[in-house]
Amino acid sequence: MAFEIPKITYSGKIKEITVGQGDKAVTFGGESSYPFYLFEGEMPHQPRIAMHVIDCKPEGWSETLLEIFKDVIDDPVAWAKKCISEYGAELICLRLLSADPNGLNKGADEVMPIIKKVADAIDVPLIVWGSENDDKDAEVLPKVAEICQGKKVILGPATDKNYKKIGAAALAYGHTVVASTPIDINLAKQLNILLTDLGVPEAQIMIDLNIGGCTIGYGLEYTYSVMERQKQAALVQQDEKLQFPVICNFAHDVWKKKEVQIEEGDDPKMGDRKRRGIFIEAITGWTQLLAGADLLVMQHPEAVKLVKEGLDDFK
């Protein structure tokens, strides 16, 4: 008698959202089964990878990254274009590090020209990621929404402290908003309810479970379980307020980890530092895909390549 694989019947489905314009527009979501369980359901849209660009010269960066981006490190436009032309980036995530009140603390009007230049220079979808300071992002991101009108960008992170201003701007100008909550599906559900009550269409919401700092060895097993619970609630329990695509933005954090920075001479058993950093980023990315991520934000092109090669097996 032939062995028959037990199958789960899923009653829910992840909502679809589309960002960008024309032939380069990207659609996320639509899953009707757990990640890559193609014998039980469908993943009509493969997970995608955005490459990370910073709007000012980063400090304390790994030599492994500087080796790749040293020629464009002072020019976000050139940086974004290099990611697309040389590394095949499907999306660009522009991080507004210069607006951080704990750093350069640039005002909204000061950062708008760079955002406009990047948005106009690329033909792939754009994610504009704020400073992660609630008050500053409430000031900056609505203006980003206005100057990027018509481009269908992704704006984030929006939290329970600033969702009204960011959500209203996304609604007014037709952008997608990232609902960001601290590793708790109940808080994620509540913020999604608040955004939809505000009038933001469900087709313009993504979930960020705030796993950025949770790389291999730093709480990834906990965030994995939270992402699993989100997918279970969405697909099996038909919780409509959790049926949204998930973004995992970990590019900025993974390369700051101690294990990535340690020199071979200081701890020979850690092995080659360059390969170590690339593998840690790639393994973190694949772990998040297996947990249910629809969009990753990554940094090193070799790590991106490793993840994409794995995704090719599921085409």
C-alpha atoms as a PDB file:
ATOM      1  CA  MET A   1       0.000   0.000   0.000  1.00  0.00           C
ATOM      2  CA  ALA A   2       1.418   3.386  -1.017  1.00  0.00           C
ATOM      3  CA  PHE A   3       2.246   5.807   1.756  1.00  0.00           C
ATOM      4  CA  GLU A   4      -0.007   8.844   1.779  1.00  0.00           C
ATOM      5  CA  ILE A   5       1.322  12.020   3.364  1.00  0.00           C
ATOM      6  CA  PRO A   6      -1.122  13.411   5.965  1.00  0.00           C
ATOM      7  CA  LYS A   7      -2.341  16.832   4.899  1.00  0.00           C
ATOM      8  CA  ILE A   8      -3.835  19.784   6.724  1.00  0.00           C
ATOM      9  CA  THR A   9      -6.818  21.641   5.292  1.00  0.00           C
ATOM     10  CA  TYR A  10      -6.307  25.386   5.669  1.00  0.00           C
ATOM     11  CA  SER A  11      -9.347  27.606   6.000  1.00  0.00           C
ATOM     12  CA  GLY A  12      -7.486  30.922   5.847  1.00  0.00           C
ATOM     13  CA  LYS A  13      -5.297  32.715   3.341  1.00  0.00           C
ATOM     14  CA  ILE A  14      -2.704  35.478   3.504  1.00  0.00           C
ATOM     15  CA  LYS A  15      -3.845  38.703   1.853  1.00  0.00           C
ATOM     16  CA  GLU A  16      -2.033  39.973  -1.225  1.00  0.00           C
ATOM     17  CA  ILE A  17      -0.426  43.392  -1.510  1.00  0.00           C
ATOM     18  CA  THR A  18       1.268  44.941  -4.533  1.00  0.00           C
ATOM     19  CA  VAL A  19       3.954  47.629  -4.414  1.00  0.00           C
ATOM     20  CA  GLY A  20       5.874  49.499  -7.078  1.00  0.00           C
ATOM     21  CA  GLN A  21       4.906  50.327 -10.633  1.00  0.00           C
ATOM     22  CA  GLY A  22       4.747  48.739 -14.061  1.00  0.00           C
ATOM     23  CA  ASP A  23       6.745  45.652 -14.952  1.00  0.00           C
ATOM     24  CA  LYS A  24       8.833  45.902 -11.777  1.00  0.00           C
ATOM     25  CA  ALA A  25       5.846  45.902  -9.417  1.00  0.00           C
ATOM     26  CA  VAL A  26       5.980  43.133  -6.809  1.00  0.00           C
ATOM     27  CA  THR A  27       3.122  41.236  -5.165  1.00  0.00           C
ATOM     28  CA  PHE A  28       3.443  39.593  -1.749  1.00  0.00           C
ATOM     29  CA  GLY A  29       1.213  37.167   0.087  1.00  0.00           C
ATOM     30  CA  GLY A  30      -1.522  34.894  -1.205  1.00  0.00           C
ATOM     31  CA  GLU A  31      -0.267  31.800   0.660  1.00  0.00           C
ATOM     32  CA  SER A  32      -2.846  29.143   1.440  1.00  0.00           C
ATOM     33  CA  SER A  33      -0.519  26.862   3.408  1.00  0.00           C
ATOM     34  CA  TYR A  34       2.436  26.992   5.769  1.00  0.00           C
ATOM     35  CA  PRO A  35       5.713  28.249   4.230  1.00  0.00           C
ATOM     36  CA  PHE A  36       6.873  25.988   1.368  1.00  0.00           C
ATOM     37  CA  TYR A  37       4.265  23.300   2.161  1.00  0.00           C
ATOM     38  CA  LEU A  38       3.452  23.135  -1.530  1.00  0.00           C
ATOM     39  CA  PHE A  39       1.978  19.641  -1.130  1.00  0.00           C
ATOM     40  CA  GLU A  40      -0.833  21.178   0.969  1.00  0.00           C
ATOM     41  CA  GLY A  41      -1.480  24.571  -0.613  1.00  0.00           C
ATOM     42  CA  GLU A  42      -0.026  27.352  -2.711  1.00  0.00           C
ATOM     43  CA  MET A  43       2.570  30.104  -2.518  1.00  0.00           C
ATOM     44  CA  PRO A  44       1.556  32.057  -5.625  1.00  0.00           C
ATOM     45  CA  HIS A  45       4.186  34.723  -4.947  1.00  0.00           C
ATOM     46  CA  GLN A  46       7.688  33.790  -3.892  1.00  0.00           C
ATOM     47  CA  PRO A  47       9.214  35.652  -0.947  1.00  0.00           C
ATOM     48  CA  ARG A  48      11.342  38.585  -2.103  1.00  0.00           C
ATOM     49  CA  ILE A  49      14.549  40.231  -0.925  1.00  0.00           C
ATOM     50  CA  ALA A  50      15.167  43.965  -0.664  1.00  0.00           C
ATOM     51  CA  MET A  51      18.722  45.276  -0.456  1.00  0.00           C
ATOM     52  CA  HIS A  52      19.550  47.740   2.276  1.00  0.00           C
ATOM     53  CA  VAL A  53      20.775  51.290   1.523  1.00  0.00           C
ATOM     54  CA  ILE A  54      21.520  53.950   4.136  1.00  0.00           C
ATOM     55  CA  ASP A  55      20.902  57.658   3.509  1.00  0.00           C
ATOM     56  CA  CYS A  56      24.204  58.714   5.101  1.00  0.00           C
ATOM     57  CA  LYS A  57      27.649  57.219   5.570  1.00  0.00           C
ATOM     58  CA  PRO A  58      27.381  54.513   8.253  1.00  0.00           C
ATOM     59  CA  GLU A  59      29.834  54.450  11.141  1.00  0.00           C
ATOM     60  CA  GLY A  60      31.547  51.360  12.539  1.00  0.00           C
ATOM     61  CA  TRP A  61      30.708  49.175   9.579  1.00  0.00           C
ATOM     62  CA  SER A  62      32.233  45.745   9.038  1.00  0.00           C
ATOM     63  CA  GLU A  63      35.188  45.618   6.666  1.00  0.00           C
ATOM     64  CA  THR A  64      33.351  42.848   4.828  1.00  0.00           C
ATOM     65  CA  LEU A  65      30.602  45.320   3.876  1.00  0.00           C
ATOM     66  CA  LEU A  66      32.935  48.244   3.217  1.00  0.00           C
ATOM     67  CA  GLU A  67      34.834  46.107   0.728  1.00  0.00           C
ATOM     68  CA  ILE A  68      31.643  45.778  -1.338  1.00  0.00           C
ATOM     69  CA  PHE A  69      30.148  49.262  -0.997  1.00  0.00           C
ATOM     70  CA  LYS A  70      33.144  51.555  -0.396  1.00  0.00           C
ATOM     71  CA  ASP A  71      32.753  53.222  -3.803  1.00  0.00           C
ATOM     72  CA  VAL A  72      29.142  54.268  -3.122  1.00  0.00           C
ATOM     73  CA  ILE A  73      29.067  54.581   0.666  1.00  0.00           C
ATOM     74  CA  ASP A  74      28.644  58.382   0.482  1.00  0.00           C
ATOM     75  CA  ASP A  75      26.000  58.357  -2.258  1.00  0.00           C
ATOM     76  CA  PRO A  76      22.657  56.621  -1.572  1.00  0.00           C
ATOM     77  CA  VAL A  77      21.560  57.042  -5.196  1.00  0.00           C
ATOM     78  CA  ALA A  78      24.680  55.338  -6.561  1.00  0.00           C
ATOM     79  CA  TRP A  79      24.407  52.729  -3.795  1.00  0.00           C
ATOM     80  CA  ALA A  80      20.835  51.862  -4.746  1.00  0.00           C
ATOM     81  CA  LYS A  81      21.662  51.727  -8.445  1.00  0.00           C
ATOM     82  CA  LYS A  82      24.639  49.456  -7.781  1.00  0.00           C
ATOM     83  CA  CYS A  83      22.445  47.054  -5.815  1.00  0.00           C
ATOM     84  CA  ILE A  84      20.077  46.857  -8.790  1.00  0.00           C
ATOM     85  CA  SER A  85      22.530  46.781 -11.699  1.00  0.00           C
ATOM     86  CA  GLU A  86      25.268  44.594 -10.175  1.00  0.00           C
ATOM     87  CA  TYR A  87      23.391  42.445  -7.656  1.00  0.00           C
ATOM     88  CA  GLY A  88      19.921  42.209  -9.155  1.00  0.00           C
ATOM     89  CA  ALA A  89      18.052  43.786  -6.233  1.00  0.00           C
ATOM     90  CA  GLU A  90      14.294  43.327  -6.605  1.00  0.00           C
ATOM     91  CA  LEU A  91      13.512  46.086  -4.096  1.00  0.00           C
ATOM     92  CA  ILE A  92      15.511  48.795  -2.324  1.00  0.00           C
ATOM     93  CA  CYS A  93      15.095  49.598   1.366  1.00  0.00           C
ATOM     94  CA  LEU A  94      16.301  53.124   2.135  1.00  0.00           C
ATOM     95  CA  ARG A  95      16.965  53.532   5.848  1.00  0.00           C
ATOM     96  CA  LEU A  96      16.761  57.099   7.185  1.00  0.00           C
ATOM     97  CA  LEU A  97      19.643  56.810   9.621  1.00  0.00           C
ATOM     98  CA  SER A  98      20.462  60.512   9.279  1.00  0.00           C
ATOM     99  CA  ALA A  99      17.112  61.411  10.868  1.00  0.00           C
ATOM    100  CA  ASP A 100      17.865  59.500  14.064  1.00  0.00           C
ATOM    101  CA  PRO A 101      17.663  61.906  17.049  1.00  0.00           C
ATOM    102  CA  ASN A 102      20.537  59.980  18.621  1.00  0.00           C
ATOM    103  CA  GLY A 103      22.677  60.573  15.550  1.00  0.00           C
ATOM    104  CA  LEU A 104      22.740  63.358  12.962  1.00  0.00           C
ATOM    105  CA  ASN A 105      19.144  64.284  13.837  1.00  0.00           C
ATOM    106  CA  LYS A 106      18.388  65.789  10.431  1.00  0.00           C
ATOM    107  CA  GLY A 107      14.969  67.350  10.022  1.00  0.00           C
ATOM    108  CA  ALA A 108      12.316  66.130   7.610  1.00  0.00           C
ATOM    109  CA  ASP A 109      13.077  68.834   5.049  1.00  0.00           C
ATOM    110  CA  GLU A 110      16.765  67.914   5.101  1.00  0.00           C
ATOM    111  CA  VAL A 111      16.238  64.240   4.272  1.00  0.00           C
ATOM    112  CA  MET A 112      13.529  64.698   1.622  1.00  0.00           C
ATOM    113  CA  PRO A 113      15.917  65.553  -1.269  1.00  0.00           C
ATOM    114  CA  ILE A 114      17.829  62.285  -0.882  1.00  0.00           C
ATOM    115  CA  ILE A 115      14.630  60.252  -0.695  1.00  0.00           C
ATOM    116  CA  LYS A 116      13.289  61.962  -3.817  1.00  0.00           C
ATOM    117  CA  LYS A 117      16.530  61.354  -5.713  1.00  0.00           C
ATOM    118  CA  VAL A 118      16.599  57.663  -4.815  1.00  0.00           C
ATOM    119  CA  ALA A 119      12.900  57.210  -5.608  1.00  0.00           C
ATOM    120  CA  ASP A 120      13.329  58.860  -9.019  1.00  0.00           C
ATOM    121  CA  ALA A 121      16.564  57.018  -9.862  1.00  0.00           C
ATOM    122  CA  ILE A 122      15.306  53.435  -9.449  1.00  0.00           C
ATOM    123  CA  ASP A 123      12.638  51.429 -11.232  1.00  0.00           C
ATOM    124  CA  VAL A 124      12.173  48.728  -8.582  1.00  0.00           C
ATOM    125  CA  PRO A 125       9.840  49.135  -5.579  1.00  0.00           C
ATOM    126  CA  LEU A 126      11.133  51.293  -2.724  1.00  0.00           C
ATOM    127  CA  ILE A 127      10.860  50.758   1.023  1.00  0.00           C
ATOM    128  CA  VAL A 128      11.504  53.860   3.122  1.00  0.00           C
ATOM    129  CA  TRP A 129      12.437  52.817   6.644  1.00  0.00           C
ATOM    130  CA  GLY A 130      12.484  55.518   9.290  1.00  0.00           C
ATOM    131  CA  SER A 131      14.840  56.145  12.186  1.00  0.00           C
ATOM    132  CA  GLU A 132      12.733  53.904  14.479  1.00  0.00           C
ATOM    133  CA  ASN A 133      12.106  56.862  16.763  1.00  0.00           C
ATOM    134  CA  ASP A 134       8.325  57.169  17.064  1.00  0.00           C
ATOM    135  CA  ASP A 135       8.147  60.959  17.201  1.00  0.00           C
ATOM    136  CA  LYS A 136      10.688  61.553  14.449  1.00  0.00           C
ATOM    137  CA  ASP A 137       9.103  58.996  12.122  1.00  0.00           C
ATOM    138  CA  ALA A 138       5.699  60.617  12.685  1.00  0.00           C
ATOM    139  CA  GLU A 139       7.270  63.841  11.425  1.00  0.00           C
ATOM    140  CA  VAL A 140       9.276  62.426   8.517  1.00  0.00           C
ATOM    141  CA  LEU A 141       7.306  59.536   7.000  1.00  0.00           C
ATOM    142  CA  PRO A 142       4.136  61.508   6.130  1.00  0.00           C
ATOM    143  CA  LYS A 143       6.303  63.884   4.079  1.00  0.00           C
ATOM    144  CA  VAL A 144       7.935  60.866   2.424  1.00  0.00           C
ATOM    145  CA  ALA A 145       4.461  59.658   1.478  1.00  0.00           C
ATOM    146  CA  GLU A 146       3.737  62.992  -0.172  1.00  0.00           C
ATOM    147  CA  ILE A 147       6.935  63.288  -2.244  1.00  0.00           C
ATOM    148  CA  CYS A 148       6.634  59.632  -3.339  1.00  0.00           C
ATOM    149  CA  GLN A 149       3.028  60.036  -4.445  1.00  0.00           C
ATOM    150  CA  GLY A 150       2.160  57.595  -7.234  1.00  0.00           C
ATOM    151  CA  LYS A 151       5.145  55.300  -6.640  1.00  0.00           C
ATOM    152  CA  LYS A 152       3.367  52.870  -4.261  1.00  0.00           C
ATOM    153  CA  VAL A 153       6.238  52.620  -1.785  1.00  0.00           C
ATOM    154  CA  ILE A 154       6.362  50.793   1.543  1.00  0.00           C
ATOM    155  CA  LEU A 155       6.528  53.087   4.593  1.00  0.00           C
ATOM    156  CA  GLY A 156       7.580  51.972   8.028  1.00  0.00           C
ATOM    157  CA  PRO A 157       7.776  51.290  10.795  1.00  0.00           C
ATOM    158  CA  ALA A 158       4.409  52.477  12.109  1.00  0.00           C
ATOM    159  CA  THR A 159       3.829  51.739  15.796  1.00  0.00           C
ATOM    160  CA  ASP A 160       0.984  52.174  18.266  1.00  0.00           C
ATOM    161  CA  LYS A 161       2.524  55.574  19.094  1.00  0.00           C
ATOM    162  CA  ASN A 162       2.539  57.075  15.585  1.00  0.00           C
ATOM    163  CA  TYR A 163       0.253  54.921  13.404  1.00  0.00           C
ATOM    164  CA  LYS A 164      -2.347  57.665  12.993  1.00  0.00           C
ATOM    165  CA  LYS A 165      -0.040  60.069  11.170  1.00  0.00           C
ATOM    166  CA  ILE A 166       1.789  57.422   9.151  1.00  0.00           C
ATOM    167  CA  GLY A 167      -1.354  55.434   8.401  1.00  0.00           C
ATOM    168  CA  ALA A 168      -3.245  58.545   7.289  1.00  0.00           C
ATOM    169  CA  ALA A 169      -0.378  59.488   4.960  1.00  0.00           C
ATOM    170  CA  ALA A 170      -0.248  55.981   3.476  1.00  0.00           C
ATOM    171  CA  LEU A 171      -4.008  56.111   2.946  1.00  0.00           C
ATOM    172  CA  ALA A 172      -3.908  59.560   1.346  1.00  0.00           C
ATOM    173  CA  TYR A 173      -1.117  58.753  -1.115  1.00  0.00           C
ATOM    174  CA  GLY A 174      -1.716  55.068  -1.839  1.00  0.00           C
ATOM    175  CA  HIS A 175       1.293  53.520  -0.105  1.00  0.00           C
ATOM    176  CA  THR A 176       1.722  50.369   1.975  1.00  0.00           C
ATOM    177  CA  VAL A 177       2.351  50.808   5.693  1.00  0.00           C
ATOM    178  CA  VAL A 178       4.429  48.471   7.872  1.00  0.00           C
ATOM    179  CA  ALA A 179       2.672  47.775  11.183  1.00  0.00           C
ATOM    180  CA  SER A 180       5.481  47.191  13.677  1.00  0.00           C
ATOM    181  CA  THR A 181       5.005  45.606  17.106  1.00  0.00           C
ATOM    182  CA  PRO A 182       7.463  44.002  19.582  1.00  0.00           C
ATOM    183  CA  ILE A 183       7.371  40.222  18.992  1.00  0.00           C
ATOM    184  CA  ASP A 184       3.780  39.627  20.120  1.00  0.00           C
ATOM    185  CA  ILE A 185       0.954  38.544  17.818  1.00  0.00           C
ATOM    186  CA  ASN A 186      -1.720  40.012  20.085  1.00  0.00           C
ATOM    187  CA  LEU A 187      -0.095  43.441  19.798  1.00  0.00           C
ATOM    188  CA  ALA A 188       0.299  42.893  16.050  1.00  0.00           C
ATOM    189  CA  LYS A 189      -3.392  42.095  15.717  1.00  0.00           C
ATOM    190  CA  GLN A 190      -4.363  45.161  17.736  1.00  0.00           C
ATOM    191  CA  LEU A 191      -2.271  47.499  15.584  1.00  0.00           C
ATOM    192  CA  ASN A 192      -3.724  46.003  12.403  1.00  0.00           C
ATOM    193  CA  ILE A 193      -7.206  46.666  13.795  1.00  0.00           C
ATOM    194  CA  LEU A 194      -6.260  50.263  14.597  1.00  0.00           C
ATOM    195  CA  LEU A 195      -4.928  50.819  11.074  1.00  0.00           C
ATOM    196  CA  THR A 196      -7.997  49.363   9.376  1.00  0.00           C
ATOM    197  CA  ASP A 197     -10.273  51.373  11.680  1.00  0.00           C
ATOM    198  CA  LEU A 198      -8.313  54.416  10.523  1.00  0.00           C
ATOM    199  CA  GLY A 199      -9.312  53.524   6.976  1.00  0.00           C
ATOM    200  CA  VAL A 200      -6.095  51.963   5.667  1.00  0.00           C
ATOM    201  CA  PRO A 201      -7.103  49.229   3.184  1.00  0.00           C
ATOM    202  CA  GLU A 202      -6.061  45.705   4.086  1.00  0.00           C
ATOM    203  CA  ALA A 203      -4.237  45.528   0.734  1.00  0.00           C
ATOM    204  CA  GLN A 204      -1.865  48.239   2.036  1.00  0.00           C
ATOM    205  CA  ILE A 205      -0.669  46.653   5.294  1.00  0.00           C
ATOM    206  CA  MET A 206       2.366  44.500   6.069  1.00  0.00           C
ATOM    207  CA  ILE A 207       3.339  43.091   9.476  1.00  0.00           C
ATOM    208  CA  ASP A 208       6.708  43.677  11.137  1.00  0.00           C
ATOM    209  CA  LEU A 209       7.061  41.521  14.252  1.00  0.00           C
ATOM    210  CA  ASN A 210      10.205  43.487  15.116  1.00  0.00           C
ATOM    211  CA  ILE A 211      12.682  40.632  14.794  1.00  0.00           C
ATOM    212  CA  GLY A 212      15.473  42.811  13.411  1.00  0.00           C
ATOM    213  CA  GLY A 213      17.938  42.131  16.214  1.00  0.00           C
ATOM    214  CA  CYS A 214      17.055  38.444  16.521  1.00  0.00           C
ATOM    215  CA  THR A 215      19.695  36.763  14.373  1.00  0.00           C
ATOM    216  CA  ILE A 216      21.301  33.366  14.866  1.00  0.00           C
ATOM    217  CA  GLY A 217      22.214  33.045  18.549  1.00  0.00           C
ATOM    218  CA  TYR A 218      20.215  36.143  19.562  1.00  0.00           C
ATOM    219  CA  GLY A 219      16.653  35.059  20.230  1.00  0.00           C
ATOM    220  CA  LEU A 220      15.853  33.793  16.748  1.00  0.00           C
ATOM    221  CA  GLU A 221      14.193  30.661  18.151  1.00  0.00           C
ATOM    222  CA  TYR A 222      11.700  32.841  20.052  1.00  0.00           C
ATOM    223  CA  THR A 223      10.874  35.061  17.101  1.00  0.00           C
ATOM    224  CA  TYR A 224      10.546  31.965  14.933  1.00  0.00           C
ATOM    225  CA  SER A 225       7.827  30.637  17.243  1.00  0.00           C
ATOM    226  CA  VAL A 226       6.020  33.999  17.198  1.00  0.00           C
ATOM    227  CA  MET A 227       6.073  34.045  13.400  1.00  0.00           C
ATOM    228  CA  GLU A 228       4.754  30.466  13.383  1.00  0.00           C
ATOM    229  CA  ARG A 229       1.896  31.482  15.681  1.00  0.00           C
ATOM    230  CA  GLN A 230       1.007  34.341  13.338  1.00  0.00           C
ATOM    231  CA  LYS A 231       0.788  31.960  10.379  1.00  0.00           C
ATOM    232  CA  GLN A 232      -1.196  29.421  12.419  1.00  0.00           C
ATOM    233  CA  ALA A 233      -3.694  32.059  13.489  1.00  0.00           C
ATOM    234  CA  ALA A 234      -3.994  33.371   9.935  1.00  0.00           C
ATOM    235  CA  LEU A 235      -4.282  30.072   8.080  1.00  0.00           C
ATOM    236  CA  VAL A 236      -5.852  27.608  10.520  1.00  0.00           C
ATOM    237  CA  GLN A 237      -7.810  29.803  12.922  1.00  0.00           C
ATOM    238  CA  GLN A 238      -9.006  32.214  10.218  1.00  0.00           C
ATOM    239  CA  ASP A 239      -7.916  35.278  12.164  1.00  0.00           C
ATOM    240  CA  GLU A 240      -8.443  37.892   9.465  1.00  0.00           C
ATOM    241  CA  LYS A 241      -6.535  40.558  11.396  1.00  0.00           C
ATOM    242  CA  LEU A 242      -3.343  38.500  11.158  1.00  0.00           C
ATOM    243  CA  GLN A 243      -3.666  37.473   7.510  1.00  0.00           C
ATOM    244  CA  PHE A 244      -1.042  39.930   6.268  1.00  0.00           C
ATOM    245  CA  PRO A 245       2.353  39.440   4.594  1.00  0.00           C
ATOM    246  CA  VAL A 246       5.358  39.673   6.927  1.00  0.00           C
ATOM    247  CA  ILE A 247       8.495  41.774   6.459  1.00  0.00           C
ATOM    248  CA  CYS A 248      11.746  40.938   8.306  1.00  0.00           C
ATOM    249  CA  ASN A 249      14.207  43.821   8.312  1.00  0.00           C
ATOM    250  CA  PHE A 250      17.413  42.508   9.874  1.00  0.00           C
ATOM    251  CA  ALA A 251      20.115  43.869   7.538  1.00  0.00           C
ATOM    252  CA  HIS A 252      21.194  46.686   9.819  1.00  0.00           C
ATOM    253  CA  ASP A 253      21.466  44.525  12.937  1.00  0.00           C
ATOM    254  CA  VAL A 254      23.042  41.269  11.798  1.00  0.00           C
ATOM    255  CA  TRP A 255      26.364  42.889  10.887  1.00  0.00           C
ATOM    256  CA  LYS A 256      26.666  44.540  14.312  1.00  0.00           C
ATOM    257  CA  LYS A 257      26.689  41.235  16.191  1.00  0.00           C
ATOM    258  CA  LYS A 258      29.812  40.295  18.126  1.00  0.00           C
ATOM    259  CA  GLU A 259      30.152  36.979  16.297  1.00  0.00           C
ATOM    260  CA  VAL A 260      30.258  38.805  12.959  1.00  0.00           C
ATOM    261  CA  GLN A 261      32.864  41.330  14.108  1.00  0.00           C
ATOM    262  CA  ILE A 262      35.365  39.039  15.921  1.00  0.00           C
ATOM    263  CA  GLU A 263      38.736  38.839  14.149  1.00  0.00           C
ATOM    264  CA  GLU A 264      40.149  35.399  13.319  1.00  0.00           C
ATOM    265  CA  GLY A 265      43.262  36.214  15.361  1.00  0.00           C
ATOM    266  CA  ASP A 266      41.193  36.920  18.453  1.00  0.00           C
ATOM    267  CA  ASP A 267      39.268  33.650  18.239  1.00  0.00           C
ATOM    268  CA  PRO A 268      40.652  31.236  15.592  1.00  0.00           C
ATOM    269  CA  LYS A 269      37.868  28.687  16.103  1.00  0.00           C
ATOM    270  CA  MET A 270      35.367  31.212  14.672  1.00  0.00           C
ATOM    271  CA  GLY A 271      36.904  30.789  11.221  1.00  0.00           C
ATOM    272  CA  ASP A 272      37.113  33.287   8.358  1.00  0.00           C
ATOM    273  CA  ARG A 273      35.359  36.497   9.377  1.00  0.00           C
ATOM    274  CA  LYS A 274      34.099  37.388   5.903  1.00  0.00           C
ATOM    275  CA  ARG A 275      32.503  33.994   5.222  1.00  0.00           C
ATOM    276  CA  ARG A 276      31.169  33.873   8.772  1.00  0.00           C
ATOM    277  CA  GLY A 277      29.271  37.150   8.404  1.00  0.00           C
ATOM    278  CA  ILE A 278      27.835  36.161   5.037  1.00  0.00           C
ATOM    279  CA  PHE A 279      26.690  32.773   6.348  1.00  0.00           C
ATOM    280  CA  ILE A 280      25.158  34.246   9.507  1.00  0.00           C
ATOM    281  CA  GLU A 281      23.124  36.702   7.435  1.00  0.00           C
ATOM    282  CA  ALA A 282      22.065  34.027   4.933  1.00  0.00           C
ATOM    283  CA  ILE A 283      21.102  31.464   7.603  1.00  0.00           C
ATOM    284  CA  THR A 284      19.147  34.109   9.498  1.00  0.00           C
ATOM    285  CA  GLY A 285      17.299  35.004   6.308  1.00  0.00           C
ATOM    286  CA  TRP A 286      16.425  31.417   5.457  1.00  0.00           C
ATOM    287  CA  THR A 287      15.256  30.729   8.995  1.00  0.00           C
ATOM    288  CA  GLN A 288      12.874  33.673   8.757  1.00  0.00           C
ATOM    289  CA  LEU A 289      11.589  32.463   5.386  1.00  0.00           C
ATOM    290  CA  LEU A 290      10.850  29.061   6.895  1.00  0.00           C
ATOM    291  CA  ALA A 291       8.975  30.798   9.705  1.00  0.00           C
ATOM    292  CA  GLY A 292       6.798  32.673   7.231  1.00  0.00           C
ATOM    293  CA  ALA A 293       8.518  35.862   6.038  1.00  0.00           C
ATOM    294  CA  ASP A 294       7.304  37.275   2.723  1.00  0.00           C
ATOM    295  CA  LEU A 295       9.942  40.001   2.416  1.00  0.00           C
ATOM    296  CA  LEU A 296      13.505  40.110   3.733  1.00  0.00           C
ATOM    297  CA  VAL A 297      15.727  43.171   3.953  1.00  0.00           C
ATOM    298  CA  MET A 298      19.348  42.042   3.556  1.00  0.00           C
ATOM    299  CA  GLN A 299      22.754  43.646   3.161  1.00  0.00           C
ATOM    300  CA  HIS A 300      25.586  41.573   1.677  1.00  0.00           C
ATOM    301  CA  PRO A 301      25.092  40.499  -1.972  1.00  0.00           C
ATOM    302  CA  GLU A 302      26.690  37.090  -1.361  1.00  0.00           C
ATOM    303  CA  ALA A 303      24.214  36.393   1.446  1.00  0.00           C
ATOM    304  CA  VAL A 304      21.380  37.505  -0.837  1.00  0.00           C
ATOM    305  CA  LYS A 305      22.669  35.169  -3.546  1.00  0.00           C
ATOM    306  CA  LEU A 306      22.736  32.201  -1.183  1.00  0.00           C
ATOM    307  CA  VAL A 307      19.127  32.775  -0.144  1.00  0.00           C
ATOM    308  CA  LYS A 308      17.961  33.297  -3.725  1.00  0.00           C
ATOM    309  CA  GLU A 309      19.624  30.063  -4.828  1.00  0.00           C
ATOM    310  CA  GLY A 310      17.578  28.217  -2.222  1.00  0.00           C
ATOM    311  CA  LEU A 311      14.386  29.929  -3.322  1.00  0.00           C
ATOM    312  CA  ASP A 312      15.029  28.851  -6.913  1.00  0.00           C
ATOM    313  CA  ASP A 313      14.400  25.255  -5.840  1.00  0.00           C
ATOM    314  CA  PHE A 314      10.769  26.183  -5.163  1.00  0.00           C
ATOM    315  CA  LYS A 315       9.992  27.841  -8.486  1.00  0.00           C
END
